[in-house]
């Protein structure tokens, strides 16, 4: 059973919408969502997914925008989602992935990667656009 935490502030609501949109996008692309909001002391993984025997640890970063028409990472003039992934946050994610792999007894031979889902959310139209930055660490 997937655990989804409750969000209360406006920023958290944007994040929740972003995570829901990201899950829909990954499902549409054939990924199996294994877990959401995997939280351990000091860190969280937004989405854990699997596709073709590969694990994906997905960090979701979302921002609100007024008009999704022609909005992409290259054209959006506001705060871009990926700008909110600091080095400190990335280290927390990496530590949490280590805990996940150990706790779930994932084989050391299992291939995995970290992806970043950048989500632009139009709160008025209740729509969004998801862009995926794959394998953000090589």
Protein backbone atom coordinates (compact mmCIF):
# COMPACT_ATOMS: atom_id res chain seq x y z
CA UNK A 1 0.00 0.00 0.00
CA UNK A 2 1.33 3.41 -0.96
CA UNK A 3 1.66 5.99 1.78
CA UNK A 4 0.88 9.57 0.75
CA UNK A 5 1.44 12.26 3.35
CA UNK A 6 -0.93 15.16 3.98
CA UNK A 7 0.05 18.62 2.77
CA UNK A 8 -1.29 21.82 4.36
CA UNK A 9 0.53 25.01 3.25
CA UNK A 10 0.23 26.53 -0.25
CA UNK A 11 3.79 25.46 -1.06
CA UNK A 12 3.03 21.94 0.15
CA UNK A 13 -0.17 21.88 -1.93
CA UNK A 14 1.84 22.83 -5.04
CA UNK A 15 4.26 20.04 -4.13
CA UNK A 16 1.43 17.56 -3.70
CA UNK A 17 -0.06 18.47 -7.07
CA UNK A 18 3.41 18.22 -8.59
CA UNK A 19 3.95 14.75 -7.14
CA UNK A 20 0.54 13.57 -8.38
CA UNK A 21 1.25 14.92 -11.87
CA UNK A 22 4.72 13.34 -11.88
CA UNK A 23 3.24 9.96 -10.88
CA UNK A 24 0.70 10.17 -13.70
CA UNK A 25 3.47 11.00 -16.18
CA UNK A 26 5.70 8.14 -15.04
CA UNK A 27 2.77 5.68 -15.09
CA UNK A 28 1.93 6.82 -18.62
CA UNK A 29 5.56 6.12 -19.57
CA UNK A 30 5.25 2.55 -18.24
CA UNK A 31 6.80 2.89 -14.80
CA UNK A 32 5.41 1.01 -11.81
CA UNK A 33 5.15 3.31 -8.78
CA UNK A 34 6.39 1.27 -5.82
CA UNK A 35 6.36 3.88 -3.09
CA UNK A 36 5.66 7.55 -2.44
CA UNK A 37 7.09 9.79 0.26
CA UNK A 38 9.49 7.20 1.65
CA UNK A 39 10.67 9.02 4.77
CA UNK A 40 13.44 8.19 7.19
CA UNK A 41 15.15 10.35 9.76
CA UNK A 42 16.94 13.07 7.84
CA UNK A 43 15.53 12.45 4.38
CA UNK A 44 12.75 11.60 1.98
CA UNK A 45 12.37 10.08 -1.46
CA UNK A 46 9.34 11.50 -3.24
CA UNK A 47 8.75 8.57 -5.62
CA UNK A 48 10.29 5.13 -5.97
CA UNK A 49 9.44 3.50 -9.29
CA UNK A 50 10.49 0.51 -11.32
CA UNK A 51 10.68 -0.12 -15.05
CA UNK A 52 12.38 -2.97 -16.86
CA UNK A 53 14.17 -4.26 -13.75
CA UNK A 54 15.63 -0.84 -12.97
CA UNK A 55 14.81 1.22 -9.86
CA UNK A 56 14.18 4.95 -10.16
CA UNK A 57 14.42 7.31 -7.23
CA UNK A 58 12.52 10.40 -8.29
CA UNK A 59 12.76 13.81 -6.68
CA UNK A 60 9.88 16.12 -7.56
CA UNK A 61 10.28 19.89 -7.66
CA UNK A 62 7.24 21.98 -8.54
CA UNK A 63 6.55 25.67 -9.08
CA UNK A 64 3.32 27.50 -9.79
CA UNK A 65 2.84 29.49 -12.95
CA UNK A 66 -0.07 31.37 -14.44
CA UNK A 67 0.01 30.04 -17.97
CA UNK A 68 1.34 26.71 -19.14
CA UNK A 69 1.26 27.73 -22.80
CA UNK A 70 4.81 27.49 -24.14
CA UNK A 71 6.27 27.01 -20.65
CA UNK A 72 9.41 24.91 -20.59
CA UNK A 73 12.60 24.97 -18.56
CA UNK A 74 14.12 27.06 -21.35
CA UNK A 75 11.34 29.63 -21.67
CA UNK A 76 10.02 29.98 -18.12
CA UNK A 77 11.20 33.33 -16.74
CA UNK A 78 10.29 32.65 -13.10
CA UNK A 79 11.72 30.35 -10.48
CA UNK A 80 12.58 27.04 -12.18
CA UNK A 81 11.82 23.81 -10.27
CA UNK A 82 15.34 22.40 -10.52
CA UNK A 83 16.75 25.48 -8.79
CA UNK A 84 15.24 24.14 -5.57
CA UNK A 85 17.46 21.02 -5.52
CA UNK A 86 20.40 22.13 -3.42
CA UNK A 87 23.54 20.10 -2.84
CA UNK A 88 22.49 19.64 0.80
CA UNK A 89 19.08 18.31 -0.26
CA UNK A 90 20.73 15.98 -2.75
CA UNK A 91 22.99 14.55 -0.01
CA UNK A 92 19.92 13.87 2.13
CA UNK A 93 18.29 12.05 -0.78
CA UNK A 94 21.46 9.99 -1.34
CA UNK A 95 21.57 8.95 2.33
CA UNK A 96 17.89 8.02 2.22
CA UNK A 97 18.46 5.92 -0.91
CA UNK A 98 21.20 4.01 0.94
CA UNK A 99 18.75 3.34 3.78
CA UNK A 100 16.04 2.25 1.30
CA UNK A 101 18.36 -0.15 -0.52
CA UNK A 102 19.43 -1.73 2.78
CA UNK A 103 15.98 -1.82 4.38
CA UNK A 104 14.34 -3.37 1.31
CA UNK A 105 17.20 -5.86 0.81
CA UNK A 106 17.79 -4.65 -2.74
CA UNK A 107 20.45 -6.71 -4.45
CA UNK A 108 23.77 -4.89 -4.99
CA UNK A 109 23.49 -5.90 -8.67
CA UNK A 110 20.23 -3.95 -9.07
CA UNK A 111 20.60 -1.03 -11.45
CA UNK A 112 19.14 2.24 -10.21
CA UNK A 113 19.24 5.93 -10.96
CA UNK A 114 18.03 9.27 -9.64
CA UNK A 115 15.69 11.36 -11.80
CA UNK A 116 14.34 14.84 -11.23
CA UNK A 117 10.74 15.62 -12.19
CA UNK A 118 10.36 19.37 -12.84
CA UNK A 119 6.70 20.32 -12.62
CA UNK A 120 5.04 23.58 -13.63
CA UNK A 121 1.61 23.89 -12.00
CA UNK A 122 -1.21 26.20 -13.11
CA UNK A 123 -3.33 26.39 -9.94
CA UNK A 124 -6.18 28.24 -11.68
CA UNK A 125 -6.64 25.72 -14.48
CA UNK A 126 -5.62 22.78 -12.27
CA UNK A 127 -3.13 21.62 -14.89
CA UNK A 128 0.57 21.01 -15.04
CA UNK A 129 3.53 20.18 -17.21
CA UNK A 130 6.14 17.62 -16.17
CA UNK A 131 9.66 17.54 -17.53
CA UNK A 132 11.99 14.74 -16.53
CA UNK A 133 15.73 15.21 -16.07
CA UNK A 134 17.08 11.67 -16.18
CA UNK A 135 19.99 10.21 -14.27
CA UNK A 136 20.99 13.48 -12.61
CA UNK A 137 24.06 11.82 -11.09
CA UNK A 138 26.35 9.67 -13.18
